[in-house]
Amino acid sequence: MKVFKNLYAYRELLKSSVKKDIGGKYKNSFLGVLWSFVNPLLQIAVYAIIFPLIMKNNIPNYTVFMVCGLIPWNYFSTVINRASFTIIENGNIIKKVYFPREILPLSLVTSETVNFLISSLIILCFTLTHGMGITKYILIYPIILIVQYVLLLGISLIVSSVTVYFRDLQHFIGVLLQLFFYATPIVYAVETIPANYQWILKLNPMTYIIDAYRAVFYYQKLPDMKMLSMVLVIGIILCIVGYLIFNKLQRKFAEEL
């Protein structure tokens, strides 16, 4: 309960930190917040052209299929990448002012969630322009987002604190995310992977999250709520473990920074 009391006491700092992060991301940029659309659209253009040629897939409305995986993946990878240096880049503030350090990863995940909400409009646009429309299952979207948010918060607490002591983790995470991209069904369907390798995808929580987004927007059906609940439990466990690790390591942040 102590962590919630601290966060509540410093809620204004958390709020201003989120606003600063959102506003500062594209500060002095000509396109500003439009980059939340431009960046993913450029990626979509590349993948939509290259992967159908390489993989020769027969997935109908492949662009929509791929977008439903790529936008949530960008949200995931951006948070993990930024979490690896969020404590380090705020080192000067940490050494000068006291505040609950967990505000830093929490504000990071929250601000990127706002960016993801904006980018989600791209998914809606593609489903509408391809004549697929929107169904009642879009009401499940907030539930999927909460599950992914909890999972990302748990991972961010661990990554942000451990990286202070092991700086090489920043570079390792970049490589790991590249491998993780291909171990996640973003540009391909799970069914296209040989059965003896599908266990790799089943161990990947992002498989179930992306499948849930696809169920809502692409297949327009109810996601597998059992598997989604399992990912939520994993996320909650990671949050608890992550906070314990973060709380222990934060005591010497100032010395390491």
C-alpha atoms as a PDB file:
ATOM      1  CA  MET A   1       0.000   0.000   0.000  1.00  0.00           C
ATOM      2  CA  LYS A   2       2.961   2.292   0.592  1.00  0.00           C
ATOM      3  CA  VAL A   3       3.738   2.589  -3.101  1.00  0.00           C
ATOM      4  CA  PHE A   4       0.152   3.635  -3.892  1.00  0.00           C
ATOM      5  CA  LYS A   5       0.206   6.232  -1.104  1.00  0.00           C
ATOM      6  CA  ASN A   6       3.476   7.643  -2.462  1.00  0.00           C
ATOM      7  CA  LEU A   7       2.146   7.785  -5.997  1.00  0.00           C
ATOM      8  CA  TYR A   8      -1.017   9.500  -4.795  1.00  0.00           C
ATOM      9  CA  ALA A   9       0.982  12.034  -2.784  1.00  0.00           C
ATOM     10  CA  TYR A  10       3.100  12.823  -5.857  1.00  0.00           C
ATOM     11  CA  ARG A  11       0.234  12.548  -8.355  1.00  0.00           C
ATOM     12  CA  GLU A  12       0.825  16.085  -9.650  1.00  0.00           C
ATOM     13  CA  LEU A  13       4.458  15.241 -10.382  1.00  0.00           C
ATOM     14  CA  LEU A  14       3.340  12.097 -12.192  1.00  0.00           C
ATOM     15  CA  LYS A  15       0.799  14.080 -14.190  1.00  0.00           C
ATOM     16  CA  SER A  16       3.297  16.779 -15.168  1.00  0.00           C
ATOM     17  CA  SER A  17       5.898  14.133 -16.034  1.00  0.00           C
ATOM     18  CA  VAL A  18       3.479  12.411 -18.412  1.00  0.00           C
ATOM     19  CA  LYS A  19       2.503  15.733 -20.007  1.00  0.00           C
ATOM     20  CA  LYS A  20       6.152  16.742 -20.379  1.00  0.00           C
ATOM     21  CA  ASP A  21       7.026  13.418 -21.985  1.00  0.00           C
ATOM     22  CA  ILE A  22       4.151  13.602 -24.447  1.00  0.00           C
ATOM     23  CA  GLY A  23       4.767  17.249 -25.299  1.00  0.00           C
ATOM     24  CA  GLY A  24       8.548  16.950 -25.426  1.00  0.00           C
ATOM     25  CA  LYS A  25       8.703  13.912 -27.678  1.00  0.00           C
ATOM     26  CA  TYR A  26       8.161  15.949 -30.844  1.00  0.00           C
ATOM     27  CA  LYS A  27       9.113  19.368 -29.483  1.00  0.00           C
ATOM     28  CA  ASN A  28      10.387  21.760 -32.182  1.00  0.00           C
ATOM     29  CA  SER A  29       9.356  19.202 -34.799  1.00  0.00           C
ATOM     30  CA  PHE A  30       7.545  20.574 -37.850  1.00  0.00           C
ATOM     31  CA  LEU A  31       4.989  17.731 -37.938  1.00  0.00           C
ATOM     32  CA  GLY A  32       4.719  17.472 -34.154  1.00  0.00           C
ATOM     33  CA  VAL A  33       2.220  14.868 -32.962  1.00  0.00           C
ATOM     34  CA  LEU A  34       1.613  13.823 -36.579  1.00  0.00           C
ATOM     35  CA  TRP A  35       4.789  11.741 -36.262  1.00  0.00           C
ATOM     36  CA  SER A  36       2.643   9.363 -34.179  1.00  0.00           C
ATOM     37  CA  PHE A  37       0.975   8.590 -37.514  1.00  0.00           C
ATOM     38  CA  VAL A  38       3.843   9.120 -39.956  1.00  0.00           C
ATOM     39  CA  ASN A  39       6.354   6.746 -38.315  1.00  0.00           C
ATOM     40  CA  PRO A  40       4.046   3.698 -38.202  1.00  0.00           C
ATOM     41  CA  LEU A  41       2.649   4.473 -41.663  1.00  0.00           C
ATOM     42  CA  LEU A  42       6.163   4.418 -43.137  1.00  0.00           C
ATOM     43  CA  GLN A  43       6.821   1.058 -41.447  1.00  0.00           C
ATOM     44  CA  ILE A  44       3.508  -0.277 -42.683  1.00  0.00           C
ATOM     45  CA  ALA A  45       4.352   0.772 -46.241  1.00  0.00           C
ATOM     46  CA  VAL A  46       7.675  -1.094 -46.107  1.00  0.00           C
ATOM     47  CA  TYR A  47       6.305  -4.282 -44.552  1.00  0.00           C
ATOM     48  CA  ALA A  48       3.179  -4.301 -46.734  1.00  0.00           C
ATOM     49  CA  ILE A  49       5.343  -4.259 -49.853  1.00  0.00           C
ATOM     50  CA  ILE A  50       8.255  -6.490 -48.830  1.00  0.00           C
ATOM     51  CA  PHE A  51       6.740  -9.298 -46.762  1.00  0.00           C
ATOM     52  CA  PRO A  52       3.989 -10.371 -49.194  1.00  0.00           C
ATOM     53  CA  LEU A  53       6.693 -10.716 -51.859  1.00  0.00           C
ATOM     54  CA  ILE A  54       9.076 -12.665 -49.610  1.00  0.00           C
ATOM     55  CA  MET A  55       6.580 -14.851 -47.785  1.00  0.00           C
ATOM     56  CA  LYS A  56       4.085 -15.289 -50.641  1.00  0.00           C
ATOM     57  CA  ASN A  57       1.243 -15.408 -48.118  1.00  0.00           C
ATOM     58  CA  ASN A  58      -2.411 -15.742 -49.029  1.00  0.00           C
ATOM     59  CA  ILE A  59      -3.789 -13.820 -46.061  1.00  0.00           C
ATOM     60  CA  PRO A  60      -6.758 -11.713 -47.193  1.00  0.00           C
ATOM     61  CA  ASN A  61      -6.471  -7.991 -46.440  1.00  0.00           C
ATOM     62  CA  TYR A  62      -2.864  -8.584 -45.446  1.00  0.00           C
ATOM     63  CA  THR A  63      -2.174  -4.915 -44.741  1.00  0.00           C
ATOM     64  CA  VAL A  64      -4.912  -4.806 -42.078  1.00  0.00           C
ATOM     65  CA  PHE A  65      -3.673  -8.119 -40.672  1.00  0.00           C
ATOM     66  CA  MET A  66      -0.139  -6.757 -40.398  1.00  0.00           C
ATOM     67  CA  VAL A  67      -1.187  -3.368 -38.991  1.00  0.00           C
ATOM     68  CA  CYS A  68      -3.047  -5.083 -36.132  1.00  0.00           C
ATOM     69  CA  GLY A  69       0.265  -6.623 -35.101  1.00  0.00           C
ATOM     70  CA  LEU A  70       2.730  -3.858 -35.943  1.00  0.00           C
ATOM     71  CA  ILE A  71       1.077  -0.975 -34.046  1.00  0.00           C
ATOM     72  CA  PRO A  72       0.864  -2.891 -30.708  1.00  0.00           C
ATOM     73  CA  TRP A  73       4.416  -4.177 -31.262  1.00  0.00           C
ATOM     74  CA  ASN A  74       5.745  -0.634 -31.749  1.00  0.00           C
ATOM     75  CA  TYR A  75       4.101   0.308 -28.460  1.00  0.00           C
ATOM     76  CA  PHE A  76       5.771  -2.659 -26.743  1.00  0.00           C
ATOM     77  CA  SER A  77       9.261  -2.200 -28.212  1.00  0.00           C
ATOM     78  CA  THR A  78       9.305   1.580 -27.722  1.00  0.00           C
ATOM     79  CA  VAL A  79       8.469   1.262 -24.026  1.00  0.00           C
ATOM     80  CA  ILE A  80      11.107  -1.425 -23.411  1.00  0.00           C
ATOM     81  CA  ASN A  81      13.771   0.515 -25.312  1.00  0.00           C
ATOM     82  CA  ARG A  82      13.060   3.754 -23.470  1.00  0.00           C
ATOM     83  CA  ALA A  83      12.768   2.015 -20.092  1.00  0.00           C
ATOM     84  CA  SER A  84      16.376   0.862 -20.419  1.00  0.00           C
ATOM     85  CA  PHE A  85      17.676   4.424 -20.063  1.00  0.00           C
ATOM     86  CA  THR A  86      14.870   6.342 -18.343  1.00  0.00           C
ATOM     87  CA  ILE A  87      16.602   6.307 -14.923  1.00  0.00           C
ATOM     88  CA  ILE A  88      20.000   7.129 -16.421  1.00  0.00           C
ATOM     89  CA  GLU A  89      18.770  10.106 -18.442  1.00  0.00           C
ATOM     90  CA  ASN A  90      17.088  11.509 -15.309  1.00  0.00           C
ATOM     91  CA  GLY A  91      20.216  11.049 -13.204  1.00  0.00           C
ATOM     92  CA  ASN A  92      20.647  14.742 -12.416  1.00  0.00           C
ATOM     93  CA  ILE A  93      17.142  15.055 -11.024  1.00  0.00           C
ATOM     94  CA  ILE A  94      17.489  11.846  -8.987  1.00  0.00           C
ATOM     95  CA  LYS A  95      20.666  13.137  -7.339  1.00  0.00           C
ATOM     96  CA  LYS A  96      19.142  16.501  -6.437  1.00  0.00           C
ATOM     97  CA  VAL A  97      15.481  15.981  -5.552  1.00  0.00           C
ATOM     98  CA  TYR A  98      13.596  13.298  -3.653  1.00  0.00           C
ATOM     99  CA  PHE A  99      10.517  11.779  -5.241  1.00  0.00           C
ATOM    100  CA  PRO A 100       9.284   8.187  -5.647  1.00  0.00           C
ATOM    101  CA  ARG A 101      11.631   6.873  -8.327  1.00  0.00           C
ATOM    102  CA  GLU A 102       8.996   4.508  -9.681  1.00  0.00           C
ATOM    103  CA  ILE A 103       7.264   7.578 -11.108  1.00  0.00           C
ATOM    104  CA  LEU A 104       9.830   7.564 -13.948  1.00  0.00           C
ATOM    105  CA  PRO A 105       8.975   4.146 -15.472  1.00  0.00           C
ATOM    106  CA  LEU A 106       5.292   4.673 -14.652  1.00  0.00           C
ATOM    107  CA  SER A 107       5.133   8.030 -16.465  1.00  0.00           C
ATOM    108  CA  LEU A 108       7.062   6.541 -19.397  1.00  0.00           C
ATOM    109  CA  VAL A 109       4.616   3.654 -19.861  1.00  0.00           C
ATOM    110  CA  THR A 110       1.644   5.991 -19.440  1.00  0.00           C
ATOM    111  CA  SER A 111       2.872   8.571 -21.965  1.00  0.00           C
ATOM    112  CA  GLU A 112       3.629   5.870 -24.539  1.00  0.00           C
ATOM    113  CA  THR A 113       0.154   4.469 -23.910  1.00  0.00           C
ATOM    114  CA  VAL A 114      -1.282   7.839 -24.949  1.00  0.00           C
ATOM    115  CA  ASN A 115       0.822   7.694 -28.127  1.00  0.00           C
ATOM    116  CA  PHE A 116      -0.444   4.161 -28.739  1.00  0.00           C
ATOM    117  CA  LEU A 117      -4.047   5.338 -28.386  1.00  0.00           C
ATOM    118  CA  ILE A 118      -3.358   7.937 -31.077  1.00  0.00           C
ATOM    119  CA  SER A 119      -1.655   5.353 -33.306  1.00  0.00           C
ATOM    120  CA  SER A 120      -4.613   2.994 -32.850  1.00  0.00           C
ATOM    121  CA  LEU A 121      -6.576   5.344 -35.080  1.00  0.00           C
ATOM    122  CA  ILE A 122      -4.429   3.947 -37.899  1.00  0.00           C
ATOM    123  CA  ILE A 123      -5.868   0.473 -37.257  1.00  0.00           C
ATOM    124  CA  LEU A 124      -9.388   1.887 -37.376  1.00  0.00           C
ATOM    125  CA  CYS A 125      -8.641   3.739 -40.614  1.00  0.00           C
ATOM    126  CA  PHE A 126      -7.306   0.607 -42.307  1.00  0.00           C
ATOM    127  CA  THR A 127     -10.249  -1.547 -41.207  1.00  0.00           C
ATOM    128  CA  LEU A 128     -12.683   1.070 -42.504  1.00  0.00           C
ATOM    129  CA  THR A 129     -10.899   1.741 -45.808  1.00  0.00           C
ATOM    130  CA  HIS A 130     -10.715  -2.001 -46.502  1.00  0.00           C
ATOM    131  CA  GLY A 131     -14.458  -2.344 -45.992  1.00  0.00           C
ATOM    132  CA  MET A 132     -14.179  -4.431 -42.833  1.00  0.00           C
ATOM    133  CA  GLY A 133     -15.954  -1.954 -40.577  1.00  0.00           C
ATOM    134  CA  ILE A 134     -16.186  -1.980 -36.783  1.00  0.00           C
ATOM    135  CA  THR A 135     -18.104  -4.457 -34.649  1.00  0.00           C
ATOM    136  CA  LYS A 136     -19.233  -4.668 -31.035  1.00  0.00           C
ATOM    137  CA  TYR A 137     -15.999  -6.515 -30.167  1.00  0.00           C
ATOM    138  CA  ILE A 138     -14.137  -3.205 -30.236  1.00  0.00           C
ATOM    139  CA  LEU A 139     -15.459  -2.811 -26.686  1.00  0.00           C
ATOM    140  CA  ILE A 140     -12.840  -5.412 -25.677  1.00  0.00           C
ATOM    141  CA  TYR A 141     -10.044  -3.093 -26.881  1.00  0.00           C
ATOM    142  CA  PRO A 142      -9.643  -1.283 -23.500  1.00  0.00           C
ATOM    143  CA  ILE A 143      -9.296  -4.645 -21.726  1.00  0.00           C
ATOM    144  CA  ILE A 144      -6.505  -5.731 -24.083  1.00  0.00           C
ATOM    145  CA  LEU A 145      -4.804  -2.365 -23.611  1.00  0.00           C
ATOM    146  CA  ILE A 146      -4.928  -2.702 -19.812  1.00  0.00           C
ATOM    147  CA  VAL A 147      -3.365  -6.173 -20.043  1.00  0.00           C
ATOM    148  CA  GLN A 148      -0.544  -4.862 -22.230  1.00  0.00           C
ATOM    149  CA  TYR A 149      -0.087  -1.830 -19.963  1.00  0.00           C
ATOM    150  CA  VAL A 150       0.311  -4.001 -16.855  1.00  0.00           C
ATOM    151  CA  LEU A 151       2.744  -6.311 -18.657  1.00  0.00           C
ATOM    152  CA  LEU A 152       4.832  -3.357 -19.874  1.00  0.00           C
ATOM    153  CA  LEU A 153       4.864  -1.710 -16.456  1.00  0.00           C
ATOM    154  CA  GLY A 154       6.236  -4.875 -14.845  1.00  0.00           C
ATOM    155  CA  ILE A 155       8.968  -5.267 -17.467  1.00  0.00           C
ATOM    156  CA  SER A 156       9.832  -1.549 -17.319  1.00  0.00           C
ATOM    157  CA  LEU A 157      10.324  -1.609 -13.549  1.00  0.00           C
ATOM    158  CA  ILE A 158      12.833  -4.437 -13.918  1.00  0.00           C
ATOM    159  CA  VAL A 159      14.653  -3.112 -16.997  1.00  0.00           C
ATOM    160  CA  SER A 160      14.902   0.509 -15.818  1.00  0.00           C
ATOM    161  CA  SER A 161      16.437  -0.412 -12.462  1.00  0.00           C
ATOM    162  CA  VAL A 162      18.790  -3.188 -13.589  1.00  0.00           C
ATOM    163  CA  THR A 163      20.224  -1.078 -16.438  1.00  0.00           C
ATOM    164  CA  VAL A 164      21.572   1.463 -13.924  1.00  0.00           C
ATOM    165  CA  TYR A 165      24.021  -1.212 -12.735  1.00  0.00           C
ATOM    166  CA  PHE A 166      24.523  -3.059 -16.031  1.00  0.00           C
ATOM    167  CA  ARG A 167      24.708  -0.470 -18.824  1.00  0.00           C
ATOM    168  CA  ASP A 168      25.366  -3.126 -21.483  1.00  0.00           C
ATOM    169  CA  LEU A 169      21.778  -4.256 -21.015  1.00  0.00           C
ATOM    170  CA  GLN A 170      20.704  -1.267 -23.137  1.00  0.00           C
ATOM    171  CA  HIS A 171      22.505  -2.651 -26.182  1.00  0.00           C
ATOM    172  CA  PHE A 172      21.456  -6.220 -25.455  1.00  0.00           C
ATOM    173  CA  ILE A 173      17.787  -5.183 -25.318  1.00  0.00           C
ATOM    174  CA  GLY A 174      18.015  -3.710 -28.823  1.00  0.00           C
ATOM    175  CA  VAL A 175      19.281  -7.015 -30.223  1.00  0.00           C
ATOM    176  CA  LEU A 176      16.811  -9.036 -28.168  1.00  0.00           C
ATOM    177  CA  LEU A 177      13.861  -6.996 -29.442  1.00  0.00           C
ATOM    178  CA  GLN A 178      14.928  -7.624 -33.036  1.00  0.00           C
ATOM    179  CA  LEU A 179      14.903 -11.371 -32.390  1.00  0.00           C
ATOM    180  CA  PHE A 180      11.680 -11.066 -30.427  1.00  0.00           C
ATOM    181  CA  PHE A 181      10.042  -9.337 -33.405  1.00  0.00           C
ATOM    182  CA  TYR A 182      10.354 -12.485 -35.508  1.00  0.00           C
ATOM    183  CA  ALA A 183       9.266 -14.676 -32.587  1.00  0.00           C
ATOM    184  CA  THR A 184       5.986 -12.746 -32.492  1.00  0.00           C
ATOM    185  CA  PRO A 185       3.234 -13.260 -35.104  1.00  0.00           C
ATOM    186  CA  ILE A 186       3.317  -9.708 -36.460  1.00  0.00           C
ATOM    187  CA  VAL A 187       3.918 -10.182 -40.182  1.00  0.00           C
ATOM    188  CA  TYR A 188       2.810 -13.811 -40.352  1.00  0.00           C
ATOM    189  CA  ALA A 189       0.008 -15.993 -39.020  1.00  0.00           C
ATOM    190  CA  VAL A 190       0.715 -18.542 -36.277  1.00  0.00           C
ATOM    191  CA  GLU A 191      -0.618 -21.312 -38.533  1.00  0.00           C
ATOM    192  CA  THR A 192       2.186 -20.759 -41.057  1.00  0.00           C
ATOM    193  CA  ILE A 193       4.826 -21.810 -38.522  1.00  0.00           C
ATOM    194  CA  PRO A 194       5.658 -25.549 -38.411  1.00  0.00           C
ATOM    195  CA  ALA A 195       3.971 -27.283 -35.482  1.00  0.00           C
ATOM    196  CA  ASN A 196       7.283 -28.288 -33.866  1.00  0.00           C
ATOM    197  CA  TYR A 197       8.280 -24.594 -33.577  1.00  0.00           C
ATOM    198  CA  GLN A 198       4.971 -23.170 -32.406  1.00  0.00           C
ATOM    199  CA  TRP A 199       5.948 -23.723 -28.761  1.00  0.00           C
ATOM    200  CA  ILE A 200       8.218 -20.679 -29.120  1.00  0.00           C
ATOM    201  CA  LEU A 201       5.233 -18.494 -29.950  1.00  0.00           C
ATOM    202  CA  LYS A 202       3.186 -19.997 -27.129  1.00  0.00           C
ATOM    203  CA  LEU A 203       5.824 -18.916 -24.589  1.00  0.00           C
ATOM    204  CA  ASN A 204       5.623 -15.349 -25.879  1.00  0.00           C
ATOM    205  CA  PRO A 205       3.010 -13.198 -24.045  1.00  0.00           C
ATOM    206  CA  MET A 206       2.898 -10.773 -26.971  1.00  0.00           C
ATOM    207  CA  THR A 207       1.541 -13.578 -29.151  1.00  0.00           C
ATOM    208  CA  TYR A 208      -1.690 -13.595 -27.158  1.00  0.00           C
ATOM    209  CA  ILE A 209      -1.923  -9.804 -26.964  1.00  0.00           C
ATOM    210  CA  ILE A 210      -1.522  -9.374 -30.717  1.00  0.00           C
ATOM    211  CA  ASP A 211      -3.937 -12.251 -31.341  1.00  0.00           C
ATOM    212  CA  ALA A 212      -6.440 -10.403 -29.142  1.00  0.00           C
ATOM    213  CA  TYR A 213      -6.070  -7.154 -31.106  1.00  0.00           C
ATOM    214  CA  ARG A 214      -6.470  -9.107 -34.350  1.00  0.00           C
ATOM    215  CA  ALA A 215      -9.557 -10.858 -33.013  1.00  0.00           C
ATOM    216  CA  VAL A 216     -11.171  -7.478 -32.295  1.00  0.00           C
ATOM    217  CA  PHE A 217     -10.183  -5.579 -35.449  1.00  0.00           C
ATOM    218  CA  TYR A 218      -9.375  -8.180 -38.129  1.00  0.00           C
ATOM    219  CA  TYR A 219     -11.324 -11.366 -37.374  1.00  0.00           C
ATOM    220  CA  GLN A 220     -14.032  -9.370 -35.577  1.00  0.00           C
ATOM    221  CA  LYS A 221     -14.712 -11.940 -32.910  1.00  0.00           C
ATOM    222  CA  LEU A 222     -14.247 -12.373 -29.176  1.00  0.00           C
ATOM    223  CA  PRO A 223     -10.554 -12.862 -28.250  1.00  0.00           C
ATOM    224  CA  ASP A 224      -9.371 -15.846 -26.261  1.00  0.00           C
ATOM    225  CA  MET A 225     -10.188 -14.359 -22.852  1.00  0.00           C
ATOM    226  CA  LYS A 226      -8.625 -17.320 -21.031  1.00  0.00           C
ATOM    227  CA  MET A 227      -5.204 -16.679 -22.570  1.00  0.00           C
ATOM    228  CA  LEU A 228      -5.620 -12.931 -22.140  1.00  0.00           C
ATOM    229  CA  SER A 229      -6.348 -13.492 -18.446  1.00  0.00           C
ATOM    230  CA  MET A 230      -3.218 -15.613 -18.200  1.00  0.00           C
ATOM    231  CA  VAL A 231      -1.128 -12.761 -19.650  1.00  0.00           C
ATOM    232  CA  LEU A 232      -2.735 -10.385 -17.148  1.00  0.00           C
ATOM    233  CA  VAL A 233      -1.697 -12.678 -14.280  1.00  0.00           C
ATOM    234  CA  ILE A 234       1.854 -12.782 -15.696  1.00  0.00           C
ATOM    235  CA  GLY A 235       1.825  -8.978 -15.915  1.00  0.00           C
ATOM    236  CA  ILE A 236       0.667  -8.604 -12.301  1.00  0.00           C
ATOM    237  CA  ILE A 237       3.373 -11.008 -11.119  1.00  0.00           C
ATOM    238  CA  LEU A 238       5.972  -9.043 -13.105  1.00  0.00           C
ATOM    239  CA  CYS A 239       4.714  -5.802 -11.532  1.00  0.00           C
ATOM    240  CA  ILE A 240       5.112  -7.226  -8.025  1.00  0.00           C
ATOM    241  CA  VAL A 241       8.521  -8.752  -8.728  1.00  0.00           C
ATOM    242  CA  GLY A 242       9.547  -5.658 -10.681  1.00  0.00           C
ATOM    243  CA  TYR A 243       8.633  -3.331  -7.841  1.00  0.00           C
ATOM    244  CA  LEU A 244      10.548  -5.456  -5.309  1.00  0.00           C
ATOM    245  CA  ILE A 245      13.635  -5.384  -7.540  1.00  0.00           C
ATOM    246  CA  PHE A 246      13.214  -1.679  -8.287  1.00  0.00           C
ATOM    247  CA  ASN A 247      12.701  -0.812  -4.613  1.00  0.00           C
ATOM    248  CA  LYS A 248      15.848  -2.669  -3.608  1.00  0.00           C
ATOM    249  CA  LEU A 249      18.072  -1.286  -6.363  1.00  0.00           C
ATOM    250  CA  GLN A 250      16.871   2.327  -6.169  1.00  0.00           C
ATOM    251  CA  ARG A 251      18.653   2.851  -2.841  1.00  0.00           C
ATOM    252  CA  LYS A 252      21.966   3.247  -4.644  1.00  0.00           C
ATOM    253  CA  PHE A 253      20.772   4.949  -7.829  1.00  0.00           C
ATOM    254  CA  ALA A 254      22.387   8.256  -6.857  1.00  0.00           C
ATOM    255  CA  GLU A 255      25.759   6.570  -6.255  1.00  0.00           C
ATOM    256  CA  GLU A 256      25.698   4.695  -9.561  1.00  0.00           C
ATOM    257  CA  LEU A 257      24.573   7.733 -11.533  1.00  0.00           C
END
